[in-house]
Amino acid sequence: GRILAQGTKSQVLTSETLSRAFGEPVTVRQV
């Protein structure tokens, strides 16, 4: 319910940021 990150897609959609959001280690890839 709180803002974790905001900005451009490339700034926010990172493995580090989404790992914090989900509470699990994730890998984000951009194609």
mmCIF file of all heavy atoms, coordinates in Angstrom:
data_MODEL
# 
_entry.id   MODEL 
# 
loop_
_atom_site.group_PDB 
_atom_site.id 
_atom_site.type_symbol 
_atom_site.label_atom_id 
_atom_site.label_alt_id 
_atom_site.label_comp_id 
_atom_site.label_asym_id 
_atom_site.label_entity_id 
_atom_site.label_seq_id 
_atom_site.pdbx_PDB_ins_code 
_atom_site.Cartn_x 
_atom_site.Cartn_y 
_atom_site.Cartn_z 
_atom_site.occupancy 
_atom_site.B_iso_or_equiv 
_atom_site.pdbx_formal_charge 
_atom_site.auth_seq_id 
_atom_site.auth_comp_id 
_atom_site.auth_asym_id 
_atom_site.auth_atom_id 
_atom_site.pdbx_PDB_model_num 
ATOM 1   N N   . GLY A 1 1  ? 0.775  -1.227  0.000   1.00 0.00 ? 1  GLY A N   1 
ATOM 2   C CA  . GLY A 1 1  ? 0.000  0.000   0.000   1.00 0.00 ? 1  GLY A CA  1 
ATOM 3   C C   . GLY A 1 1  ? 0.811  1.284   0.000   1.00 0.00 ? 1  GLY A C   1 
ATOM 4   O O   . GLY A 1 1  ? 0.259  2.365   0.148   1.00 0.00 ? 1  GLY A O   1 
ATOM 5   N N   . ARG A 1 2  ? 2.115  1.175   -0.174  1.00 0.00 ? 2  ARG A N   1 
ATOM 6   C CA  . ARG A 1 2  ? 2.983  2.356   -0.173  1.00 0.00 ? 2  ARG A CA  1 
ATOM 7   C C   . ARG A 1 2  ? 3.805  2.396   -1.460  1.00 0.00 ? 2  ARG A C   1 
ATOM 8   O O   . ARG A 1 2  ? 4.084  1.371   -2.058  1.00 0.00 ? 2  ARG A O   1 
ATOM 9   C CB  . ARG A 1 2  ? 3.924  2.334   1.030   1.00 0.00 ? 2  ARG A CB  1 
ATOM 10  C CG  . ARG A 1 2  ? 3.188  2.331   2.356   1.00 0.00 ? 2  ARG A CG  1 
ATOM 11  C CD  . ARG A 1 2  ? 4.157  2.635   3.491   1.00 0.00 ? 2  ARG A CD  1 
ATOM 12  N NE  . ARG A 1 2  ? 3.526  2.498   4.779   1.00 0.00 ? 2  ARG A NE  1 
ATOM 13  C CZ  . ARG A 1 2  ? 2.797  3.439   5.355   1.00 0.00 ? 2  ARG A CZ  1 
ATOM 14  N NH1 . ARG A 1 2  ? 2.584  4.572   4.750   1.00 0.00 ? 2  ARG A NH1 1 
ATOM 15  N NH2 . ARG A 1 2  ? 2.277  3.241   6.548   1.00 0.00 ? 2  ARG A NH2 1 
ATOM 16  N N   . ILE A 1 3  ? 4.217  3.595   -1.836  1.00 0.00 ? 3  ILE A N   1 
ATOM 17  C CA  . ILE A 1 3  ? 5.056  3.752   -3.017  1.00 0.00 ? 3  ILE A CA  1 
ATOM 18  C C   . ILE A 1 3  ? 6.452  3.231   -2.714  1.00 0.00 ? 3  ILE A C   1 
ATOM 19  O O   . ILE A 1 3  ? 7.114  3.713   -1.785  1.00 0.00 ? 3  ILE A O   1 
ATOM 20  C CB  . ILE A 1 3  ? 5.119  5.226   -3.466  1.00 0.00 ? 3  ILE A CB  1 
ATOM 21  C CG1 . ILE A 1 3  ? 3.733  5.717   -3.878  1.00 0.00 ? 3  ILE A CG1 1 
ATOM 22  C CG2 . ILE A 1 3  ? 6.116  5.381   -4.616  1.00 0.00 ? 3  ILE A CG2 1 
ATOM 23  C CD1 . ILE A 1 3  ? 3.666  7.210   -4.177  1.00 0.00 ? 3  ILE A CD1 1 
ATOM 24  N N   . LEU A 1 4  ? 6.871  2.238   -3.475  1.00 0.00 ? 4  LEU A N   1 
ATOM 25  C CA  . LEU A 1 4  ? 8.212  1.675   -3.330  1.00 0.00 ? 4  LEU A CA  1 
ATOM 26  C C   . LEU A 1 4  ? 9.172  2.352   -4.306  1.00 0.00 ? 4  LEU A C   1 
ATOM 27  O O   . LEU A 1 4  ? 10.329 2.610   -3.979  1.00 0.00 ? 4  LEU A O   1 
ATOM 28  C CB  . LEU A 1 4  ? 8.183  0.161   -3.577  1.00 0.00 ? 4  LEU A CB  1 
ATOM 29  C CG  . LEU A 1 4  ? 9.498  -0.568  -3.446  1.00 0.00 ? 4  LEU A CG  1 
ATOM 30  C CD1 . LEU A 1 4  ? 9.998  -0.512  -2.016  1.00 0.00 ? 4  LEU A CD1 1 
ATOM 31  C CD2 . LEU A 1 4  ? 9.348  -2.014  -3.880  1.00 0.00 ? 4  LEU A CD2 1 
ATOM 32  N N   . ALA A 1 5  ? 8.693  2.633   -5.504  1.00 0.00 ? 5  ALA A N   1 
ATOM 33  C CA  . ALA A 1 5  ? 9.535  3.286   -6.509  1.00 0.00 ? 5  ALA A CA  1 
ATOM 34  C C   . ALA A 1 5  ? 8.635  3.935   -7.556  1.00 0.00 ? 5  ALA A C   1 
ATOM 35  O O   . ALA A 1 5  ? 7.511  3.501   -7.774  1.00 0.00 ? 5  ALA A O   1 
ATOM 36  C CB  . ALA A 1 5  ? 10.462 2.270   -7.168  1.00 0.00 ? 5  ALA A CB  1 
ATOM 37  N N   . GLN A 1 6  ? 9.185  4.957   -8.198  1.00 0.00 ? 6  GLN A N   1 
ATOM 38  C CA  . GLN A 1 6  ? 8.474  5.606   -9.287  1.00 0.00 ? 6  GLN A CA  1 
ATOM 39  C C   . GLN A 1 6  ? 9.499  6.220   -10.230 1.00 0.00 ? 6  GLN A C   1 
ATOM 40  O O   . GLN A 1 6  ? 10.577 6.608   -9.816  1.00 0.00 ? 6  GLN A O   1 
ATOM 41  C CB  . GLN A 1 6  ? 7.511  6.666   -8.771  1.00 0.00 ? 6  GLN A CB  1 
ATOM 42  C CG  . GLN A 1 6  ? 8.161  7.790   -7.997  1.00 0.00 ? 6  GLN A CG  1 
ATOM 43  C CD  . GLN A 1 6  ? 7.140  8.748   -7.419  1.00 0.00 ? 6  GLN A CD  1 
ATOM 44  O OE1 . GLN A 1 6  ? 6.053  8.896   -7.940  1.00 0.00 ? 6  GLN A OE1 1 
ATOM 45  N NE2 . GLN A 1 6  ? 7.496  9.404   -6.331  1.00 0.00 ? 6  GLN A NE2 1 
ATOM 46  N N   . GLY A 1 7  ? 9.141  6.245   -11.509 1.00 0.00 ? 7  GLY A N   1 
ATOM 47  C CA  . GLY A 1 7  ? 10.042 6.817   -12.497 1.00 0.00 ? 7  GLY A CA  1 
ATOM 48  C C   . GLY A 1 7  ? 9.840  6.150   -13.843 1.00 0.00 ? 7  GLY A C   1 
ATOM 49  O O   . GLY A 1 7  ? 8.807  5.526   -14.096 1.00 0.00 ? 7  GLY A O   1 
ATOM 50  N N   . THR A 1 8  ? 10.829 6.260   -14.695 1.00 0.00 ? 8  THR A N   1 
ATOM 51  C CA  . THR A 1 8  ? 10.736 5.628   -16.005 1.00 0.00 ? 8  THR A CA  1 
ATOM 52  C C   . THR A 1 8  ? 10.777 4.114   -15.847 1.00 0.00 ? 8  THR A C   1 
ATOM 53  O O   . THR A 1 8  ? 11.251 3.598   -14.821 1.00 0.00 ? 8  THR A O   1 
ATOM 54  C CB  . THR A 1 8  ? 11.879 6.079   -16.927 1.00 0.00 ? 8  THR A CB  1 
ATOM 55  O OG1 . THR A 1 8  ? 13.119 5.631   -16.379 1.00 0.00 ? 8  THR A OG1 1 
ATOM 56  C CG2 . THR A 1 8  ? 11.893 7.591   -17.108 1.00 0.00 ? 8  THR A CG2 1 
ATOM 57  N N   . LYS A 1 9  ? 10.319 3.417   -16.876 1.00 0.00 ? 9  LYS A N   1 
ATOM 58  C CA  . LYS A 1 9  ? 10.324 1.947   -16.812 1.00 0.00 ? 9  LYS A CA  1 
ATOM 59  C C   . LYS A 1 9  ? 11.721 1.421   -16.530 1.00 0.00 ? 9  LYS A C   1 
ATOM 60  O O   . LYS A 1 9  ? 11.894 0.529   -15.693 1.00 0.00 ? 9  LYS A O   1 
ATOM 61  C CB  . LYS A 1 9  ? 9.799  1.345   -18.119 1.00 0.00 ? 9  LYS A CB  1 
ATOM 62  C CG  . LYS A 1 9  ? 8.319  1.436   -18.288 1.00 0.00 ? 9  LYS A CG  1 
ATOM 63  C CD  . LYS A 1 9  ? 7.812  0.621   -19.456 1.00 0.00 ? 9  LYS A CD  1 
ATOM 64  C CE  . LYS A 1 9  ? 8.333  1.117   -20.770 1.00 0.00 ? 9  LYS A CE  1 
ATOM 65  N NZ  . LYS A 1 9  ? 7.670  0.473   -21.927 1.00 0.00 ? 9  LYS A NZ  1 
ATOM 66  N N   . SER A 1 10 ? 12.726 1.963   -17.219 1.00 0.00 ? 10 SER A N   1 
ATOM 67  C CA  . SER A 1 10 ? 14.086 1.442   -17.043 1.00 0.00 ? 10 SER A CA  1 
ATOM 68  C C   . SER A 1 10 ? 14.626 1.705   -15.636 1.00 0.00 ? 10 SER A C   1 
ATOM 69  O O   . SER A 1 10 ? 15.452 0.948   -15.143 1.00 0.00 ? 10 SER A O   1 
ATOM 70  C CB  . SER A 1 10 ? 15.030 2.022   -18.098 1.00 0.00 ? 10 SER A CB  1 
ATOM 71  O OG  . SER A 1 10 ? 15.107 3.423   -17.986 1.00 0.00 ? 10 SER A OG  1 
ATOM 72  N N   . GLN A 1 11 ? 14.142 2.749   -14.972 1.00 0.00 ? 11 GLN A N   1 
ATOM 73  C CA  . GLN A 1 11 ? 14.568 3.036   -13.604 1.00 0.00 ? 11 GLN A CA  1 
ATOM 74  C C   . GLN A 1 11 ? 13.894 2.108   -12.596 1.00 0.00 ? 11 GLN A C   1 
ATOM 75  O O   . GLN A 1 11 ? 14.514 1.698   -11.616 1.00 0.00 ? 11 GLN A O   1 
ATOM 76  C CB  . GLN A 1 11 ? 14.226 4.476   -13.221 1.00 0.00 ? 11 GLN A CB  1 
ATOM 77  C CG  . GLN A 1 11 ? 15.004 5.536   -13.938 1.00 0.00 ? 11 GLN A CG  1 
ATOM 78  C CD  . GLN A 1 11 ? 14.457 6.925   -13.639 1.00 0.00 ? 11 GLN A CD  1 
ATOM 79  O OE1 . GLN A 1 11 ? 13.248 7.129   -13.531 1.00 0.00 ? 11 GLN A OE1 1 
ATOM 80  N NE2 . GLN A 1 11 ? 15.352 7.891   -13.510 1.00 0.00 ? 11 GLN A NE2 1 
ATOM 81  N N   . VAL A 1 12 ? 12.634 1.790   -12.828 1.00 0.00 ? 12 VAL A N   1 
ATOM 82  C CA  . VAL A 1 12 ? 11.839 1.071   -11.831 1.00 0.00 ? 12 VAL A CA  1 
ATOM 83  C C   . VAL A 1 12 ? 11.807 -0.433  -12.066 1.00 0.00 ? 12 VAL A C   1 
ATOM 84  O O   . VAL A 1 12 ? 11.875 -1.215  -11.114 1.00 0.00 ? 12 VAL A O   1 
ATOM 85  C CB  . VAL A 1 12 ? 10.401 1.634   -11.785 1.00 0.00 ? 12 VAL A CB  1 
ATOM 86  C CG1 . VAL A 1 12 ? 9.533  0.847   -10.816 1.00 0.00 ? 12 VAL A CG1 1 
ATOM 87  C CG2 . VAL A 1 12 ? 10.423 3.112   -11.397 1.00 0.00 ? 12 VAL A CG2 1 
ATOM 88  N N   . LEU A 1 13 ? 11.706 -0.864  -13.306 1.00 0.00 ? 13 LEU A N   1 
ATOM 89  C CA  . LEU A 1 13 ? 11.579 -2.299  -13.594 1.00 0.00 ? 13 LEU A CA  1 
ATOM 90  C C   . LEU A 1 13 ? 12.948 -2.968  -13.618 1.00 0.00 ? 13 LEU A C   1 
ATOM 91  O O   . LEU A 1 13 ? 13.446 -3.405  -14.651 1.00 0.00 ? 13 LEU A O   1 
ATOM 92  C CB  . LEU A 1 13 ? 10.831 -2.508  -14.914 1.00 0.00 ? 13 LEU A CB  1 
ATOM 93  C CG  . LEU A 1 13 ? 9.398  -1.983  -14.941 1.00 0.00 ? 13 LEU A CG  1 
ATOM 94  C CD1 . LEU A 1 13 ? 8.756  -2.257  -16.289 1.00 0.00 ? 13 LEU A CD1 1 
ATOM 95  C CD2 . LEU A 1 13 ? 8.568  -2.582  -13.812 1.00 0.00 ? 13 LEU A CD2 1 
ATOM 96  N N   . THR A 1 14 ? 13.537 -3.073  -12.442 1.00 0.00 ? 14 THR A N   1 
ATOM 97  C CA  . THR A 1 14 ? 14.849 -3.709  -12.293 1.00 0.00 ? 14 THR A CA  1 
ATOM 98  C C   . THR A 1 14 ? 14.708 -4.928  -11.388 1.00 0.00 ? 14 THR A C   1 
ATOM 99  O O   . THR A 1 14 ? 13.759 -5.029  -10.602 1.00 0.00 ? 14 THR A O   1 
ATOM 100 C CB  . THR A 1 14 ? 15.870 -2.741  -11.666 1.00 0.00 ? 14 THR A CB  1 
ATOM 101 O OG1 . THR A 1 14 ? 15.477 -2.450  -10.313 1.00 0.00 ? 14 THR A OG1 1 
ATOM 102 C CG2 . THR A 1 14 ? 15.994 -1.449  -12.472 1.00 0.00 ? 14 THR A CG2 1 
ATOM 103 N N   . SER A 1 15 ? 15.661 -5.819  -11.486 1.00 0.00 ? 15 SER A N   1 
ATOM 104 C CA  . SER A 1 15 ? 15.652 -7.014  -10.632 1.00 0.00 ? 15 SER A CA  1 
ATOM 105 C C   . SER A 1 15 ? 15.681 -6.622  -9.161  1.00 0.00 ? 15 SER A C   1 
ATOM 106 O O   . SER A 1 15 ? 14.945 -7.186  -8.342  1.00 0.00 ? 15 SER A O   1 
ATOM 107 C CB  . SER A 1 15 ? 16.850 -7.908  -10.971 1.00 0.00 ? 15 SER A CB  1 
ATOM 108 O OG  . SER A 1 15 ? 16.780 -8.352  -12.301 1.00 0.00 ? 15 SER A OG  1 
ATOM 109 N N   . GLU A 1 16 ? 16.495 -5.643  -8.818  1.00 0.00 ? 16 GLU A N   1 
ATOM 110 C CA  . GLU A 1 16 ? 16.610 -5.217  -7.416  1.00 0.00 ? 16 GLU A CA  1 
ATOM 111 C C   . GLU A 1 16 ? 15.290 -4.652  -6.887  1.00 0.00 ? 16 GLU A C   1 
ATOM 112 O O   . GLU A 1 16 ? 14.814 -5.044  -5.818  1.00 0.00 ? 16 GLU A O   1 
ATOM 113 C CB  . GLU A 1 16 ? 17.708 -4.164  -7.287  1.00 0.00 ? 16 GLU A CB  1 
ATOM 114 C CG  . GLU A 1 16 ? 17.871 -3.626  -5.879  1.00 0.00 ? 16 GLU A CG  1 
ATOM 115 C CD  . GLU A 1 16 ? 18.894 -2.510  -5.789  1.00 0.00 ? 16 GLU A CD  1 
ATOM 116 O OE1 . GLU A 1 16 ? 19.781 -2.425  -6.657  1.00 0.00 ? 16 GLU A OE1 1 
ATOM 117 O OE2 . GLU A 1 16 ? 18.792 -1.724  -4.839  1.00 0.00 ? 16 GLU A OE2 1 
ATOM 118 N N   . THR A 1 17 ? 14.682 -3.761  -7.636  1.00 0.00 ? 17 THR A N   1 
ATOM 119 C CA  . THR A 1 17 ? 13.451 -3.118  -7.174  1.00 0.00 ? 17 THR A CA  1 
ATOM 120 C C   . THR A 1 17 ? 12.307 -4.115  -7.070  1.00 0.00 ? 17 THR A C   1 
ATOM 121 O O   . THR A 1 17 ? 11.574 -4.129  -6.070  1.00 0.00 ? 17 THR A O   1 
ATOM 122 C CB  . THR A 1 17 ? 13.053 -1.972  -8.131  1.00 0.00 ? 17 THR A CB  1 
ATOM 123 O OG1 . THR A 1 17 ? 14.149 -1.069  -8.242  1.00 0.00 ? 17 THR A OG1 1 
ATOM 124 C CG2 . THR A 1 17 ? 11.851 -1.222  -7.605  1.00 0.00 ? 17 THR A CG2 1 
ATOM 125 N N   . LEU A 1 18 ? 12.139 -4.962  -8.078  1.00 0.00 ? 18 LEU A N   1 
ATOM 126 C CA  . LEU A 1 18 ? 11.035 -5.920  -8.036  1.00 0.00 ? 18 LEU A CA  1 
ATOM 127 C C   . LEU A 1 18 ? 11.288 -7.035  -7.022  1.00 0.00 ? 18 LEU A C   1 
ATOM 128 O O   . LEU A 1 18 ? 10.336 -7.584  -6.467  1.00 0.00 ? 18 LEU A O   1 
ATOM 129 C CB  . LEU A 1 18 ? 10.748 -6.470  -9.424  1.00 0.00 ? 18 LEU A CB  1 
ATOM 130 C CG  . LEU A 1 18 ? 10.107 -5.417  -10.348 1.00 0.00 ? 18 LEU A CG  1 
ATOM 131 C CD1 . LEU A 1 18 ? 9.966  -5.943  -11.763 1.00 0.00 ? 18 LEU A CD1 1 
ATOM 132 C CD2 . LEU A 1 18 ? 8.763  -4.981  -9.822  1.00 0.00 ? 18 LEU A CD2 1 
ATOM 133 N N   . SER A 1 19 ? 12.538 -7.357  -6.739  1.00 0.00 ? 19 SER A N   1 
ATOM 134 C CA  . SER A 1 19 ? 12.832 -8.310  -5.669  1.00 0.00 ? 19 SER A CA  1 
ATOM 135 C C   . SER A 1 19 ? 12.376 -7.750  -4.328  1.00 0.00 ? 19 SER A C   1 
ATOM 136 O O   . SER A 1 19 ? 11.794 -8.467  -3.510  1.00 0.00 ? 19 SER A O   1 
ATOM 137 C CB  . SER A 1 19 ? 14.332 -8.621  -5.623  1.00 0.00 ? 19 SER A CB  1 
ATOM 138 O OG  . SER A 1 19 ? 14.735 -9.337  -6.762  1.00 0.00 ? 19 SER A OG  1 
ATOM 139 N N   . ARG A 1 20 ? 12.607 -6.457  -4.118  1.00 0.00 ? 20 ARG A N   1 
ATOM 140 C CA  . ARG A 1 20 ? 12.119 -5.823  -2.879  1.00 0.00 ? 20 ARG A CA  1 
ATOM 141 C C   . ARG A 1 20 ? 10.595 -5.821  -2.833  1.00 0.00 ? 20 ARG A C   1 
ATOM 142 O O   . ARG A 1 20 ? 9.999  -6.079  -1.786  1.00 0.00 ? 20 ARG A O   1 
ATOM 143 C CB  . ARG A 1 20 ? 12.645 -4.395  -2.757  1.00 0.00 ? 20 ARG A CB  1 
ATOM 144 C CG  . ARG A 1 20 ? 14.094 -4.336  -2.342  1.00 0.00 ? 20 ARG A CG  1 
ATOM 145 C CD  . ARG A 1 20 ? 14.559 -2.932  -1.996  1.00 0.00 ? 20 ARG A CD  1 
ATOM 146 N NE  . ARG A 1 20 ? 14.547 -2.106  -3.195  1.00 0.00 ? 20 ARG A NE  1 
ATOM 147 C CZ  . ARG A 1 20 ? 14.147 -0.836  -3.231  1.00 0.00 ? 20 ARG A CZ  1 
ATOM 148 N NH1 . ARG A 1 20 ? 13.737 -0.235  -2.139  1.00 0.00 ? 20 ARG A NH1 1 
ATOM 149 N NH2 . ARG A 1 20 ? 14.166 -0.156  -4.354  1.00 0.00 ? 20 ARG A NH2 1 
ATOM 150 N N   . ALA A 1 21 ? 9.963  -5.554  -3.973  1.00 0.00 ? 21 ALA A N   1 
ATOM 151 C CA  . ALA A 1 21 ? 8.497  -5.490  -4.010  1.00 0.00 ? 21 ALA A CA  1 
ATOM 152 C C   . ALA A 1 21 ? 7.870  -6.840  -3.705  1.00 0.00 ? 21 ALA A C   1 
ATOM 153 O O   . ALA A 1 21 ? 6.893  -6.921  -2.957  1.00 0.00 ? 21 ALA A O   1 
ATOM 154 C CB  . ALA A 1 21 ? 8.031  -4.998  -5.383  1.00 0.00 ? 21 ALA A CB  1 
ATOM 155 N N   . PHE A 1 22 ? 8.416  -7.904  -4.284  1.00 0.00 ? 22 PHE A N   1 
ATOM 156 C CA  . PHE A 1 22 ? 7.834  -9.239  -4.113  1.00 0.00 ? 22 PHE A CA  1 
ATOM 157 C C   . PHE A 1 22 ? 8.386  -9.987  -2.902  1.00 0.00 ? 22 PHE A C   1 
ATOM 158 O O   . PHE A 1 22 ? 7.871  -11.036 -2.528  1.00 0.00 ? 22 PHE A O   1 
ATOM 159 C CB  . PHE A 1 22 ? 8.053  -10.084 -5.372  1.00 0.00 ? 22 PHE A CB  1 
ATOM 160 C CG  . PHE A 1 22 ? 7.213  -9.640  -6.541  1.00 0.00 ? 22 PHE A CG  1 
ATOM 161 C CD1 . PHE A 1 22 ? 7.803  -9.172  -7.700  1.00 0.00 ? 22 PHE A CD1 1 
ATOM 162 C CD2 . PHE A 1 22 ? 5.830  -9.693  -6.488  1.00 0.00 ? 22 PHE A CD2 1 
ATOM 163 C CE1 . PHE A 1 22 ? 7.036  -8.767  -8.784  1.00 0.00 ? 22 PHE A CE1 1 
ATOM 164 C CE2 . PHE A 1 22 ? 5.052  -9.291  -7.555  1.00 0.00 ? 22 PHE A CE2 1 
ATOM 165 C CZ  . PHE A 1 22 ? 5.662  -8.818  -8.705  1.00 0.00 ? 22 PHE A CZ  1 
ATOM 166 N N   . GLY A 1 23 ? 9.459  -9.486  -2.303  1.00 0.00 ? 23 GLY A N   1 
ATOM 167 C CA  . GLY A 1 23 ? 10.054 -10.164 -1.156  1.00 0.00 ? 23 GLY A CA  1 
ATOM 168 C C   . GLY A 1 23 ? 10.713 -11.474 -1.541  1.00 0.00 ? 23 GLY A C   1 
ATOM 169 O O   . GLY A 1 23 ? 10.887 -12.357 -0.697  1.00 0.00 ? 23 GLY A O   1 
ATOM 170 N N   . GLU A 1 24 ? 11.068 -11.607 -2.802  1.00 0.00 ? 24 GLU A N   1 
ATOM 171 C CA  . GLU A 1 24 ? 11.711 -12.814 -3.347  1.00 0.00 ? 24 GLU A CA  1 
ATOM 172 C C   . GLU A 1 24 ? 12.730 -12.360 -4.381  1.00 0.00 ? 24 GLU A C   1 
ATOM 173 O O   . GLU A 1 24 ? 12.496 -11.367 -5.084  1.00 0.00 ? 24 GLU A O   1 
ATOM 174 C CB  . GLU A 1 24 ? 10.687 -13.697 -4.074  1.00 0.00 ? 24 GLU A CB  1 
ATOM 175 C CG  . GLU A 1 24 ? 9.541  -14.166 -3.239  1.00 0.00 ? 24 GLU A CG  1 
ATOM 176 C CD  . GLU A 1 24 ? 9.747  -15.581 -2.759  1.00 0.00 ? 24 GLU A CD  1 
ATOM 177 O OE1 . GLU A 1 24 ? 10.643 -16.261 -3.268  1.00 0.00 ? 24 GLU A OE1 1 
ATOM 178 O OE2 . GLU A 1 24 ? 8.999  -15.982 -1.866  1.00 0.00 ? 24 GLU A OE2 1 
ATOM 179 N N   . PRO A 1 25 ? 13.829 -13.095 -4.535  1.00 0.00 ? 25 PRO A N   1 
ATOM 180 C CA  . PRO A 1 25 ? 14.782 -12.717 -5.581  1.00 0.00 ? 25 PRO A CA  1 
ATOM 181 C C   . PRO A 1 25 ? 14.217 -13.015 -6.976  1.00 0.00 ? 25 PRO A C   1 
ATOM 182 O O   . PRO A 1 25 ? 13.785 -14.135 -7.247  1.00 0.00 ? 25 PRO A O   1 
ATOM 183 C CB  . PRO A 1 25 ? 16.010 -13.569 -5.289  1.00 0.00 ? 25 PRO A CB  1 
ATOM 184 C CG  . PRO A 1 25 ? 15.540 -14.689 -4.430  1.00 0.00 ? 25 PRO A CG  1 
ATOM 185 C CD  . PRO A 1 25 ? 14.298 -14.219 -3.726  1.00 0.00 ? 25 PRO A CD  1 
ATOM 186 N N   . VAL A 1 26 ? 14.162 -11.986 -7.816  1.00 0.00 ? 26 VAL A N   1 
ATOM 187 C CA  . VAL A 1 26 ? 13.665 -12.141 -9.175  1.00 0.00 ? 26 VAL A CA  1 
ATOM 188 C C   . VAL A 1 26 ? 14.688 -11.582 -10.154 1.00 0.00 ? 26 VAL A C   1 
ATOM 189 O O   . VAL A 1 26 ? 15.541 -10.778 -9.793  1.00 0.00 ? 26 VAL A O   1 
ATOM 190 C CB  . VAL A 1 26 ? 12.306 -11.424 -9.393  1.00 0.00 ? 26 VAL A CB  1 
ATOM 191 C CG1 . VAL A 1 26 ? 11.244 -11.965 -8.450  1.00 0.00 ? 26 VAL A CG1 1 
ATOM 192 C CG2 . VAL A 1 26 ? 12.441 -9.924  -9.244  1.00 0.00 ? 26 VAL A CG2 1 
ATOM 193 N N   . THR A 1 27 ? 14.567 -12.025 -11.371 1.00 0.00 ? 27 THR A N   1 
ATOM 194 C CA  . THR A 1 27 ? 15.382 -11.502 -12.460 1.00 0.00 ? 27 THR A CA  1 
ATOM 195 C C   . THR A 1 27 ? 14.443 -10.856 -13.468 1.00 0.00 ? 27 THR A C   1 
ATOM 196 O O   . THR A 1 27 ? 13.483 -11.476 -13.912 1.00 0.00 ? 27 THR A O   1 
ATOM 197 C CB  . THR A 1 27 ? 16.186 -12.629 -13.147 1.00 0.00 ? 27 THR A CB  1 
ATOM 198 O OG1 . THR A 1 27 ? 17.038 -13.226 -12.168 1.00 0.00 ? 27 THR A OG1 1 
ATOM 199 C CG2 . THR A 1 27 ? 17.020 -12.080 -14.292 1.00 0.00 ? 27 THR A CG2 1 
ATOM 200 N N   . VAL A 1 28 ? 14.726 -9.606  -13.808 1.00 0.00 ? 28 VAL A N   1 
ATOM 201 C CA  . VAL A 1 28 ? 13.946 -8.880  -14.802 1.00 0.00 ? 28 VAL A CA  1 
ATOM 202 C C   . VAL A 1 28 ? 14.813 -8.729  -16.040 1.00 0.00 ? 28 VAL A C   1 
ATOM 203 O O   . VAL A 1 28 ? 15.980 -8.356  -15.950 1.00 0.00 ? 28 VAL A O   1 
ATOM 204 C CB  . VAL A 1 28 ? 13.529 -7.487  -14.276 1.00 0.00 ? 28 VAL A CB  1 
ATOM 205 C CG1 . VAL A 1 28 ? 12.784 -6.708  -15.348 1.00 0.00 ? 28 VAL A CG1 1 
ATOM 206 C CG2 . VAL A 1 28 ? 12.682 -7.627  -13.029 1.00 0.00 ? 28 VAL A CG2 1 
ATOM 207 N N   . ARG A 1 29 ? 14.226 -9.049  -17.174 1.00 0.00 ? 29 ARG A N   1 
ATOM 208 C CA  . ARG A 1 29 ? 14.921 -8.895  -18.448 1.00 0.00 ? 29 ARG A CA  1 
ATOM 209 C C   . ARG A 1 29 ? 14.101 -7.997  -19.354 1.00 0.00 ? 29 ARG A C   1 
ATOM 210 O O   . ARG A 1 29 ? 12.876 -8.069  -19.363 1.00 0.00 ? 29 ARG A O   1 
ATOM 211 C CB  . ARG A 1 29 ? 15.136 -10.242 -19.114 1.00 0.00 ? 29 ARG A CB  1 
ATOM 212 C CG  . ARG A 1 29 ? 16.148 -11.101 -18.395 1.00 0.00 ? 29 ARG A CG  1 
ATOM 213 C CD  . ARG A 1 29 ? 16.494 -12.364 -19.192 1.00 0.00 ? 29 ARG A CD  1 
ATOM 214 N NE  . ARG A 1 29 ? 17.510 -13.130 -18.512 1.00 0.00 ? 29 ARG A NE  1 
ATOM 215 C CZ  . ARG A 1 29 ? 17.273 -14.000 -17.549 1.00 0.00 ? 29 ARG A CZ  1 
ATOM 216 N NH1 . ARG A 1 29 ? 16.038 -14.226 -17.162 1.00 0.00 ? 29 ARG A NH1 1 
ATOM 217 N NH2 . ARG A 1 29 ? 18.253 -14.667 -16.976 1.00 0.00 ? 29 ARG A NH2 1 
ATOM 218 N N   . GLN A 1 30 ? 14.819 -7.175  -20.124 1.00 0.00 ? 30 GLN A N   1 
ATOM 219 C CA  . GLN A 1 30 ? 14.162 -6.325  -21.111 1.00 0.00 ? 30 GLN A CA  1 
ATOM 220 C C   . GLN A 1 30 ? 14.581 -6.783  -22.494 1.00 0.00 ? 30 GLN A C   1 
ATOM 221 O O   . GLN A 1 30 ? 15.765 -6.952  -22.784 1.00 0.00 ? 30 GLN A O   1 
ATOM 222 C CB  . GLN A 1 30 ? 14.545 -4.862  -20.919 1.00 0.00 ? 30 GLN A CB  1 
ATOM 223 C CG  . GLN A 1 30 ? 13.877 -3.949  -21.918 1.00 0.00 ? 30 GLN A CG  1 
ATOM 224 C CD  . GLN A 1 30 ? 14.278 -2.507  -21.761 1.00 0.00 ? 30 GLN A CD  1 
ATOM 225 O OE1 . GLN A 1 30 ? 15.044 -2.156  -20.876 1.00 0.00 ? 30 GLN A OE1 1 
ATOM 226 N NE2 . GLN A 1 30 ? 13.767 -1.664  -22.633 1.00 0.00 ? 30 GLN A NE2 1 
ATOM 227 N N   . VAL A 1 31 ? 13.590 -7.014  -23.352 1.00 0.00 ? 31 VAL A N   1 
ATOM 228 C CA  . VAL A 1 31 ? 13.829 -7.336  -24.753 1.00 0.00 ? 31 VAL A CA  1 
ATOM 229 C C   . VAL A 1 31 ? 13.035 -6.322  -25.558 1.00 0.00 ? 31 VAL A C   1 
ATOM 230 O O   . VAL A 1 31 ? 11.802 -6.277  -25.470 1.00 0.00 ? 31 VAL A O   1 
ATOM 231 C CB  . VAL A 1 31 ? 13.389 -8.777  -25.101 1.00 0.00 ? 31 VAL A CB  1 
ATOM 232 C CG1 . VAL A 1 31 ? 13.578 -9.057  -26.576 1.00 0.00 ? 31 VAL A CG1 1 
ATOM 233 C CG2 . VAL A 1 31 ? 14.140 -9.788  -24.247 1.00 0.00 ? 31 VAL A CG2 1 
# 
